[in-house]
PDB file of N, CA and C in Angstrom:
ATOM      1  N   MET A   1     -33.497  54.422 -53.347  1.00  0.00           N
ATOM      2  CA  MET A   1     -33.127  54.742 -52.053  1.00  0.00           C
ATOM      3  C   MET A   1     -32.777  56.025 -51.841  1.00  0.00           C
ATOM      4  N   ASN A   2     -33.290  56.664 -50.872  1.00  0.00           N
ATOM      5  CA  ASN A   2     -33.059  58.207 -50.612  1.00  0.00           C
ATOM      6  C   ASN A   2     -31.675  58.313 -50.032  1.00  0.00           C
ATOM      7  N   ASP A   3     -31.260  59.589 -49.759  1.00  0.00           N
ATOM      8  CA  ASP A   3     -29.856  60.107 -49.353  1.00  0.00           C
ATOM      9  C   ASP A   3     -29.888  59.641 -47.950  1.00  0.00           C
ATOM     10  N   ASP A   4     -30.865  59.676 -47.140  1.00  0.00           N
ATOM     11  CA  ASP A   4     -30.870  59.417 -45.647  1.00  0.00           C
ATOM     12  C   ASP A   4     -30.590  58.038 -45.487  1.00  0.00           C
ATOM     13  N   THR A   5     -31.188  57.090 -46.313  1.00  0.00           N
ATOM     14  CA  THR A   5     -30.929  55.611 -46.181  1.00  0.00           C
ATOM     15  C   THR A   5     -29.556  55.381 -46.414  1.00  0.00           C
ATOM     16  N   VAL A   6     -29.162  55.844 -47.734  1.00  0.00           N
ATOM     17  CA  VAL A   6     -27.768  55.674 -48.115  1.00  0.00           C
ATOM     18  C   VAL A   6     -26.671  56.128 -46.937  1.00  0.00           C
ATOM     19  N   ALA A   7     -27.001  57.266 -46.213  1.00  0.00           N
ATOM     20  CA  ALA A   7     -26.073  57.544 -45.409  1.00  0.00           C
ATOM     21  C   ALA A   7     -26.089  56.732 -44.128  1.00  0.00           C
ATOM     22  N   ARG A   8     -27.145  56.382 -43.626  1.00  0.00           N
ATOM     23  CA  ARG A   8     -27.455  55.458 -42.578  1.00  0.00           C
ATOM     24  C   ARG A   8     -26.716  54.197 -42.774  1.00  0.00           C
ATOM     25  N   GLU A   9     -26.862  53.739 -44.002  1.00  0.00           N
ATOM     26  CA  GLU A   9     -26.123  52.492 -44.397  1.00  0.00           C
ATOM     27  C   GLU A   9     -24.624  52.527 -44.154  1.00  0.00           C
ATOM     28  N   GLN A  10     -24.138  53.737 -44.736  1.00  0.00           N
ATOM     29  CA  GLN A  10     -22.860  53.955 -44.746  1.00  0.00           C
ATOM     30  C   GLN A  10     -22.422  54.014 -43.283  1.00  0.00           C
ATOM     31  N   ILE A  11     -23.048  54.706 -42.362  1.00  0.00           N
ATOM     32  CA  ILE A  11     -22.781  54.967 -40.991  1.00  0.00           C
ATOM     33  C   ILE A  11     -22.646  53.623 -40.391  1.00  0.00           C
ATOM     34  N   ASP A  12     -23.771  52.709 -40.649  1.00  0.00           N
ATOM     35  CA  ASP A  12     -23.626  51.404 -40.052  1.00  0.00           C
ATOM     36  C   ASP A  12     -22.425  50.716 -40.454  1.00  0.00           C
ATOM     37  N   ALA A  13     -22.149  50.685 -41.898  1.00  0.00           N
ATOM     38  CA  ALA A  13     -20.976  49.933 -42.272  1.00  0.00           C
ATOM     39  C   ALA A  13     -19.686  50.464 -41.685  1.00  0.00           C
ATOM     40  N   LEU A  14     -19.490  51.760 -41.671  1.00  0.00           N
ATOM     41  CA  LEU A  14     -18.157  52.376 -40.943  1.00  0.00           C
ATOM     42  C   LEU A  14     -18.151  51.973 -39.487  1.00  0.00           C
ATOM     43  N   ARG A  15     -19.452  51.823 -38.894  1.00  0.00           N
ATOM     44  CA  ARG A  15     -19.335  51.611 -37.501  1.00  0.00           C
ATOM     45  C   ARG A  15     -18.936  50.054 -37.211  1.00  0.00           C
ATOM     46  N   SER A  16     -19.387  49.287 -38.061  1.00  0.00           N
ATOM     47  CA  SER A  16     -18.886  47.814 -37.918  1.00  0.00           C
ATOM     48  C   SER A  16     -17.407  47.748 -38.205  1.00  0.00           C
ATOM     49  N   GLU A  17     -17.047  48.606 -38.950  1.00  0.00           N
ATOM     50  CA  GLU A  17     -15.358  48.447 -39.233  1.00  0.00           C
ATOM     51  C   GLU A  17     -14.832  49.026 -37.945  1.00  0.00           C
ATOM     52  N   ILE A  18     -15.443  50.191 -37.431  1.00  0.00           N
ATOM     53  CA  ILE A  18     -14.623  50.509 -36.199  1.00  0.00           C
ATOM     54  C   ILE A  18     -14.923  49.589 -35.056  1.00  0.00           C
ATOM     55  N   ASP A  19     -15.857  48.724 -35.031  1.00  0.00           N
ATOM     56  CA  ASP A  19     -16.034  47.750 -33.861  1.00  0.00           C
ATOM     57  C   ASP A  19     -14.821  46.753 -34.182  1.00  0.00           C
ATOM     58  N   ALA A  20     -14.490  46.309 -35.552  1.00  0.00           N
ATOM     59  CA  ALA A  20     -13.542  45.310 -35.785  1.00  0.00           C
ATOM     60  C   ALA A  20     -12.066  46.006 -35.422  1.00  0.00           C
ATOM     61  N   ILE A  21     -11.935  47.118 -35.712  1.00  0.00           N
ATOM     62  CA  ILE A  21     -10.712  47.672 -35.286  1.00  0.00           C
ATOM     63  C   ILE A  21     -10.627  47.853 -33.744  1.00  0.00           C
ATOM     64  N   ASP A  22     -11.595  48.272 -33.204  1.00  0.00           N
ATOM     65  CA  ASP A  22     -11.534  48.078 -31.623  1.00  0.00           C
ATOM     66  C   ASP A  22     -11.054  46.872 -31.007  1.00  0.00           C
ATOM     67  N   CYS A  23     -11.551  45.820 -31.472  1.00  0.00           N
ATOM     68  CA  CYS A  23     -11.254  44.573 -31.198  1.00  0.00           C
ATOM     69  C   CYS A  23      -9.964  44.285 -31.505  1.00  0.00           C
ATOM     70  N   ARG A  24      -9.373  44.632 -32.717  1.00  0.00           N
ATOM     71  CA  ARG A  24      -7.855  44.509 -32.789  1.00  0.00           C
ATOM     72  C   ARG A  24      -7.157  45.305 -31.882  1.00  0.00           C
ATOM     73  N   ILE A  25      -7.481  46.431 -31.510  1.00  0.00           N
ATOM     74  CA  ILE A  25      -6.783  47.362 -30.652  1.00  0.00           C
ATOM     75  C   ILE A  25      -6.689  46.447 -29.335  1.00  0.00           C
ATOM     76  N   VAL A  26      -7.831  46.062 -28.704  1.00  0.00           N
ATOM     77  CA  VAL A  26      -7.746  45.497 -27.706  1.00  0.00           C
ATOM     78  C   VAL A  26      -6.917  44.275 -27.649  1.00  0.00           C
ATOM     79  N   LYS A  27      -7.020  43.536 -28.581  1.00  0.00           N
ATOM     80  CA  LYS A  27      -5.923  42.512 -28.552  1.00  0.00           C
ATOM     81  C   LYS A  27      -4.555  42.706 -28.647  1.00  0.00           C
ATOM     82  N   LEU A  28      -4.088  43.811 -29.370  1.00  0.00           N
ATOM     83  CA  LEU A  28      -2.786  44.483 -29.351  1.00  0.00           C
ATOM     84  C   LEU A  28      -2.390  45.154 -27.976  1.00  0.00           C
ATOM     85  N   LEU A  29      -3.439  45.573 -27.250  1.00  0.00           N
ATOM     86  CA  LEU A  29      -3.106  46.154 -25.895  1.00  0.00           C
ATOM     87  C   LEU A  29      -2.947  45.083 -24.873  1.00  0.00           C
ATOM     88  N   ASN A  30      -3.607  43.858 -25.053  1.00  0.00           N
ATOM     89  CA  ASN A  30      -3.331  42.539 -24.189  1.00  0.00           C
ATOM     90  C   ASN A  30      -1.934  42.008 -24.550  1.00  0.00           C
ATOM     91  N   GLU A  31      -1.560  42.068 -25.864  1.00  0.00           N
ATOM     92  CA  GLU A  31      -0.280  41.608 -26.212  1.00  0.00           C
ATOM     93  C   GLU A  31       0.931  42.383 -25.710  1.00  0.00           C
ATOM     94  N   ARG A  32       0.507  43.776 -25.583  1.00  0.00           N
ATOM     95  CA  ARG A  32       1.577  44.773 -25.061  1.00  0.00           C
ATOM     96  C   ARG A  32       1.694  44.631 -23.566  1.00  0.00           C
ATOM     97  N   ALA A  33       0.444  44.307 -22.829  1.00  0.00           N
ATOM     98  CA  ALA A  33       0.490  44.027 -21.299  1.00  0.00           C
ATOM     99  C   ALA A  33       1.382  42.794 -21.102  1.00  0.00           C
ATOM    100  N   VAL A  34       1.337  41.887 -21.722  1.00  0.00           N
ATOM    101  CA  VAL A  34       1.869  40.642 -21.580  1.00  0.00           C
ATOM    102  C   VAL A  34       3.548  40.844 -21.656  1.00  0.00           C
ATOM    103  N   LYS A  35       3.821  41.532 -22.704  1.00  0.00           N
ATOM    104  CA  LYS A  35       5.281  41.903 -22.935  1.00  0.00           C
ATOM    105  C   LYS A  35       5.674  42.780 -21.796  1.00  0.00           C
ATOM    106  N   ALA A  36       4.739  43.779 -21.339  1.00  0.00           N
ATOM    107  CA  ALA A  36       5.311  44.633 -20.150  1.00  0.00           C
ATOM    108  C   ALA A  36       5.460  43.755 -18.943  1.00  0.00           C
ATOM    109  N   LEU A  37       4.510  42.803 -18.828  1.00  0.00           N
ATOM    110  CA  LEU A  37       4.631  42.000 -17.532  1.00  0.00           C
ATOM    111  C   LEU A  37       6.124  41.175 -17.651  1.00  0.00           C
ATOM    112  N   GLN A  38       6.470  40.587 -18.631  1.00  0.00           N
ATOM    113  CA  GLN A  38       7.713  39.967 -18.999  1.00  0.00           C
ATOM    114  C   GLN A  38       8.701  40.899 -18.692  1.00  0.00           C
ATOM    115  N   ILE A  39       8.643  42.003 -19.197  1.00  0.00           N
ATOM    116  CA  ILE A  39       9.863  43.098 -18.897  1.00  0.00           C
ATOM    117  C   ILE A  39       9.935  43.312 -17.500  1.00  0.00           C
ATOM    118  N   ARG A  40       8.628  43.557 -16.650  1.00  0.00           N
ATOM    119  CA  ARG A  40       8.639  43.673 -15.088  1.00  0.00           C
ATOM    120  C   ARG A  40       9.386  42.593 -14.504  1.00  0.00           C
ATOM    121  N   GLU A  41       9.166  41.479 -14.888  1.00  0.00           N
ATOM    122  CA  GLU A  41       9.838  40.412 -14.243  1.00  0.00           C
ATOM    123  C   GLU A  41      11.177  40.406 -14.322  1.00  0.00           C
ATOM    124  N   LEU A  42      11.899  40.766 -15.346  1.00  0.00           N
ATOM    125  CA  LEU A  42      13.286  40.698 -15.736  1.00  0.00           C
ATOM    126  C   LEU A  42      14.131  41.923 -14.979  1.00  0.00           C
ATOM    127  N   LYS A  43      13.501  42.975 -14.896  1.00  0.00           N
ATOM    128  CA  LYS A  43      14.054  44.230 -14.435  1.00  0.00           C
ATOM    129  C   LYS A  43      14.937  44.157 -13.311  1.00  0.00           C
ATOM    130  N   PRO A  44      14.281  43.434 -12.219  1.00  0.00           N
ATOM    131  CA  PRO A  44      15.018  43.269 -10.999  1.00  0.00           C
ATOM    132  C   PRO A  44      16.247  42.386 -11.240  1.00  0.00           C
ATOM    133  N   LYS A  45      16.417  41.524 -12.028  1.00  0.00           N
ATOM    134  CA  LYS A  45      17.404  40.657 -12.533  1.00  0.00           C
ATOM    135  C   LYS A  45      18.810  41.358 -12.984  1.00  0.00           C
ATOM    136  N   VAL A  46      18.447  42.732 -13.631  1.00  0.00           N
ATOM    137  CA  VAL A  46      19.393  43.405 -14.121  1.00  0.00           C
ATOM    138  C   VAL A  46      19.659  44.963 -13.230  1.00  0.00           C
ATOM    139  N   LYS A  47      18.939  44.791 -12.197  1.00  0.00           N
ATOM    140  CA  LYS A  47      18.826  45.899 -11.313  1.00  0.00           C
ATOM    141  C   LYS A  47      18.194  47.083 -11.889  1.00  0.00           C
ATOM    142  N   LEU A  48      17.186  47.091 -12.622  1.00  0.00           N
ATOM    143  CA  LEU A  48      16.500  48.142 -13.098  1.00  0.00           C
ATOM    144  C   LEU A  48      15.275  48.472 -12.326  1.00  0.00           C
ATOM    145  N   GLY A  49      15.154  49.851 -12.178  1.00  0.00           N
ATOM    146  CA  GLY A  49      13.802  50.315 -11.586  1.00  0.00           C
ATOM    147  C   GLY A  49      12.687  49.918 -12.470  1.00  0.00           C
ATOM    148  N   LEU A  50      11.248  49.770 -11.688  1.00  0.00           N
ATOM    149  CA  LEU A  50      10.057  49.490 -12.427  1.00  0.00           C
ATOM    150  C   LEU A  50       9.726  50.625 -13.394  1.00  0.00           C
ATOM    151  N   TYR A  51       9.937  51.989 -12.885  1.00  0.00           N
ATOM    152  CA  TYR A  51       9.605  53.117 -13.874  1.00  0.00           C
ATOM    153  C   TYR A  51      10.753  53.653 -14.188  1.00  0.00           C
ATOM    154  N   ASP A  52      10.708  53.904 -15.578  1.00  0.00           N
ATOM    155  CA  ASP A  52      11.654  54.558 -16.312  1.00  0.00           C
ATOM    156  C   ASP A  52      11.353  55.653 -17.224  1.00  0.00           C
ATOM    157  N   PRO A  53      11.253  56.782 -16.614  1.00  0.00           N
ATOM    158  CA  PRO A  53      10.914  57.953 -17.522  1.00  0.00           C
ATOM    159  C   PRO A  53      11.734  58.315 -18.868  1.00  0.00           C
ATOM    160  N   LYS A  54      13.073  57.692 -18.872  1.00  0.00           N
ATOM    161  CA  LYS A  54      13.633  57.892 -20.085  1.00  0.00           C
ATOM    162  C   LYS A  54      12.986  57.068 -21.293  1.00  0.00           C
ATOM    163  N   ARG A  55      12.629  55.848 -21.010  1.00  0.00           N
ATOM    164  CA  ARG A  55      11.987  54.965 -21.932  1.00  0.00           C
ATOM    165  C   ARG A  55      10.626  55.427 -22.224  1.00  0.00           C
ATOM    166  N   GLU A  56       9.936  56.045 -21.264  1.00  0.00           N
ATOM    167  CA  GLU A  56       8.587  56.644 -21.639  1.00  0.00           C
ATOM    168  C   GLU A  56       8.618  57.726 -22.819  1.00  0.00           C
ATOM    169  N   GLU A  57       9.665  58.591 -22.536  1.00  0.00           N
ATOM    170  CA  GLU A  57       9.997  59.567 -23.605  1.00  0.00           C
ATOM    171  C   GLU A  57      10.471  58.928 -24.935  1.00  0.00           C
ATOM    172  N   GLU A  58      11.145  57.896 -25.008  1.00  0.00           N
ATOM    173  CA  GLU A  58      11.561  57.293 -26.140  1.00  0.00           C
ATOM    174  C   GLU A  58      10.398  56.638 -26.739  1.00  0.00           C
ATOM    175  N   ILE A  59       9.389  56.076 -25.974  1.00  0.00           N
ATOM    176  CA  ILE A  59       8.145  55.636 -26.489  1.00  0.00           C
ATOM    177  C   ILE A  59       7.304  56.833 -27.309  1.00  0.00           C
ATOM    178  N   PHE A  60       7.092  57.986 -26.631  1.00  0.00           N
ATOM    179  CA  PHE A  60       6.491  59.074 -27.105  1.00  0.00           C
ATOM    180  C   PHE A  60       7.166  59.724 -28.458  1.00  0.00           C
ATOM    181  N   THR A  61       8.380  59.501 -28.448  1.00  0.00           N
ATOM    182  CA  THR A  61       9.330  60.060 -29.657  1.00  0.00           C
ATOM    183  C   THR A  61       9.101  59.138 -30.817  1.00  0.00           C
ATOM    184  N   ALA A  62       9.089  57.732 -30.587  1.00  0.00           N
ATOM    185  CA  ALA A  62       8.853  56.738 -31.458  1.00  0.00           C
ATOM    186  C   ALA A  62       7.563  56.833 -31.943  1.00  0.00           C
ATOM    187  N   LEU A  63       6.356  57.055 -31.205  1.00  0.00           N
ATOM    188  CA  LEU A  63       5.090  57.287 -31.637  1.00  0.00           C
ATOM    189  C   LEU A  63       4.919  58.594 -32.627  1.00  0.00           C
ATOM    190  N   ALA A  64       5.670  59.619 -32.312  1.00  0.00           N
ATOM    191  CA  ALA A  64       5.390  60.782 -33.327  1.00  0.00           C
ATOM    192  C   ALA A  64       5.968  60.583 -34.443  1.00  0.00           C
ATOM    193  N   ARG A  65       7.132  59.802 -34.548  1.00  0.00           N
ATOM    194  CA  ARG A  65       7.849  59.233 -35.699  1.00  0.00           C
ATOM    195  C   ARG A  65       6.897  58.597 -36.731  1.00  0.00           C
ATOM    196  N   CYS A  66       6.260  57.704 -36.150  1.00  0.00           N
ATOM    197  CA  CYS A  66       5.508  56.755 -37.013  1.00  0.00           C
ATOM    198  C   CYS A  66       3.882  57.197 -37.147  1.00  0.00           C
ATOM    199  N   ASN A  67       3.706  58.237 -36.611  1.00  0.00           N
ATOM    200  CA  ASN A  67       2.249  58.956 -36.799  1.00  0.00           C
ATOM    201  C   ASN A  67       2.175  59.597 -38.041  1.00  0.00           C
ATOM    202  N   GLU A  68       1.182  58.861 -38.995  1.00  0.00           N
ATOM    203  CA  GLU A  68       0.975  59.614 -40.183  1.00  0.00           C
ATOM    204  C   GLU A  68      -0.453  60.382 -40.069  1.00  0.00           C
ATOM    205  N   GLY A  69      -0.953  60.666 -39.022  1.00  0.00           N
ATOM    206  CA  GLY A  69      -2.144  61.330 -38.754  1.00  0.00           C
ATOM    207  C   GLY A  69      -3.370  60.481 -39.184  1.00  0.00           C
ATOM    208  N   PRO A  70      -4.636  61.006 -38.992  1.00  0.00           N
ATOM    209  CA  PRO A  70      -4.884  62.379 -38.752  1.00  0.00           C
ATOM    210  C   PRO A  70      -4.761  62.769 -37.116  1.00  0.00           C
ATOM    211  N   LEU A  71      -4.456  61.793 -36.289  1.00  0.00           N
ATOM    212  CA  LEU A  71      -4.101  62.179 -34.891  1.00  0.00           C
ATOM    213  C   LEU A  71      -2.842  63.129 -34.766  1.00  0.00           C
ATOM    214  N   TYR A  72      -2.907  64.045 -33.895  1.00  0.00           N
ATOM    215  CA  TYR A  72      -1.696  64.941 -33.670  1.00  0.00           C
ATOM    216  C   TYR A  72      -0.790  64.097 -32.698  1.00  0.00           C
ATOM    217  N   ALA A  73       0.557  64.451 -32.622  1.00  0.00           N
ATOM    218  CA  ALA A  73       1.522  63.785 -31.757  1.00  0.00           C
ATOM    219  C   ALA A  73       1.056  63.965 -30.201  1.00  0.00           C
ATOM    220  N   ASP A  74       0.506  65.113 -30.021  1.00  0.00           N
ATOM    221  CA  ASP A  74      -0.015  65.357 -28.612  1.00  0.00           C
ATOM    222  C   ASP A  74      -1.217  64.543 -28.330  1.00  0.00           C
ATOM    223  N   ASN A  75      -2.213  64.222 -29.307  1.00  0.00           N
ATOM    224  CA  ASN A  75      -3.247  63.137 -29.029  1.00  0.00           C
ATOM    225  C   ASN A  75      -2.623  61.932 -28.818  1.00  0.00           C
ATOM    226  N   LEU A  76      -1.572  61.492 -29.460  1.00  0.00           N
ATOM    227  CA  LEU A  76      -1.239  59.981 -29.101  1.00  0.00           C
ATOM    228  C   LEU A  76      -0.610  59.995 -27.810  1.00  0.00           C
ATOM    229  N   ARG A  77       0.298  60.912 -27.531  1.00  0.00           N
ATOM    230  CA  ARG A  77       1.016  61.099 -26.264  1.00  0.00           C
ATOM    231  C   ARG A  77      -0.024  60.965 -25.064  1.00  0.00           C
ATOM    232  N   GLU A  78      -1.382  61.780 -25.048  1.00  0.00           N
ATOM    233  CA  GLU A  78      -2.136  61.551 -23.970  1.00  0.00           C
ATOM    234  C   GLU A  78      -2.862  60.305 -23.920  1.00  0.00           C
ATOM    235  N   ILE A  79      -3.117  59.572 -25.086  1.00  0.00           N
ATOM    236  CA  ILE A  79      -3.537  58.207 -25.288  1.00  0.00           C
ATOM    237  C   ILE A  79      -2.455  57.355 -24.683  1.00  0.00           C
ATOM    238  N   TYR A  80      -1.306  57.433 -25.100  1.00  0.00           N
ATOM    239  CA  TYR A  80      -0.368  56.564 -24.507  1.00  0.00           C
ATOM    240  C   TYR A  80       0.022  56.749 -22.977  1.00  0.00           C
ATOM    241  N   GLU A  81      -0.115  58.045 -22.561  1.00  0.00           N
ATOM    242  CA  GLU A  81       0.074  58.324 -21.203  1.00  0.00           C
ATOM    243  C   GLU A  81      -1.031  57.415 -20.391  1.00  0.00           C
ATOM    244  N   ALA A  82      -2.284  57.303 -20.868  1.00  0.00           N
ATOM    245  CA  ALA A  82      -3.101  56.532 -20.295  1.00  0.00           C
ATOM    246  C   ALA A  82      -2.833  55.010 -20.243  1.00  0.00           C
ATOM    247  N   ILE A  83      -2.431  54.532 -21.405  1.00  0.00           N
ATOM    248  CA  ILE A  83      -1.945  53.306 -21.551  1.00  0.00           C
ATOM    249  C   ILE A  83      -0.824  52.882 -20.553  1.00  0.00           C
ATOM    250  N   LEU A  84       0.173  53.693 -20.719  1.00  0.00           N
ATOM    251  CA  LEU A  84       1.359  53.378 -19.777  1.00  0.00           C
ATOM    252  C   LEU A  84       0.826  53.226 -18.103  1.00  0.00           C
ATOM    253  N   HIS A  85       0.129  54.296 -18.007  1.00  0.00           N
ATOM    254  CA  HIS A  85      -0.575  54.306 -16.543  1.00  0.00           C
ATOM    255  C   HIS A  85      -1.076  53.047 -16.061  1.00  0.00           C
ATOM    256  N   VAL A  86      -1.972  52.513 -17.026  1.00  0.00           N
ATOM    257  CA  VAL A  86      -2.460  51.301 -16.784  1.00  0.00           C
ATOM    258  C   VAL A  86      -1.632  49.991 -16.719  1.00  0.00           C
ATOM    259  N   MET A  87      -0.629  50.134 -17.659  1.00  0.00           N
ATOM    260  CA  MET A  87       0.219  49.080 -17.629  1.00  0.00           C
ATOM    261  C   MET A  87       1.019  48.974 -16.286  1.00  0.00           C
ATOM    262  N   LYS A  88       1.389  50.093 -15.747  1.00  0.00           N
ATOM    263  CA  LYS A  88       2.171  50.174 -14.486  1.00  0.00           C
ATOM    264  C   LYS A  88       1.264  49.588 -13.501  1.00  0.00           C
ATOM    265  N   GLU A  89       0.016  49.645 -13.556  1.00  0.00           N
ATOM    266  CA  GLU A  89      -0.894  49.115 -12.493  1.00  0.00           C
ATOM    267  C   GLU A  89      -1.269  47.574 -12.628  1.00  0.00           C
ATOM    268  N   LEU A  90      -0.634  47.069 -13.705  1.00  0.00           N
ATOM    269  CA  LEU A  90      -0.819  45.549 -13.705  1.00  0.00           C
ATOM    270  C   LEU A  90      -0.002  44.718 -12.653  1.00  0.00           C
TER     271      LEU A  90
END
């Protein structure tokens, strides 16, 4: 087997692993969305507004703390800003 074939097989295997990871991410995003919708339902009962910028900063801080790389904290913040934007639109 030549190097090109070995490399292609490794790429295919890694892509399969990425596909499986992506499916897990989607499942977790949907779980997160369910929890966010549950919180949205409860907020009016305790007179909280739907948007809480302080909570968003807490999320970003927690993400930076648990990040072990190779993503930078700024990368995670950008990803989560998009996630939070979508969650608000649910």
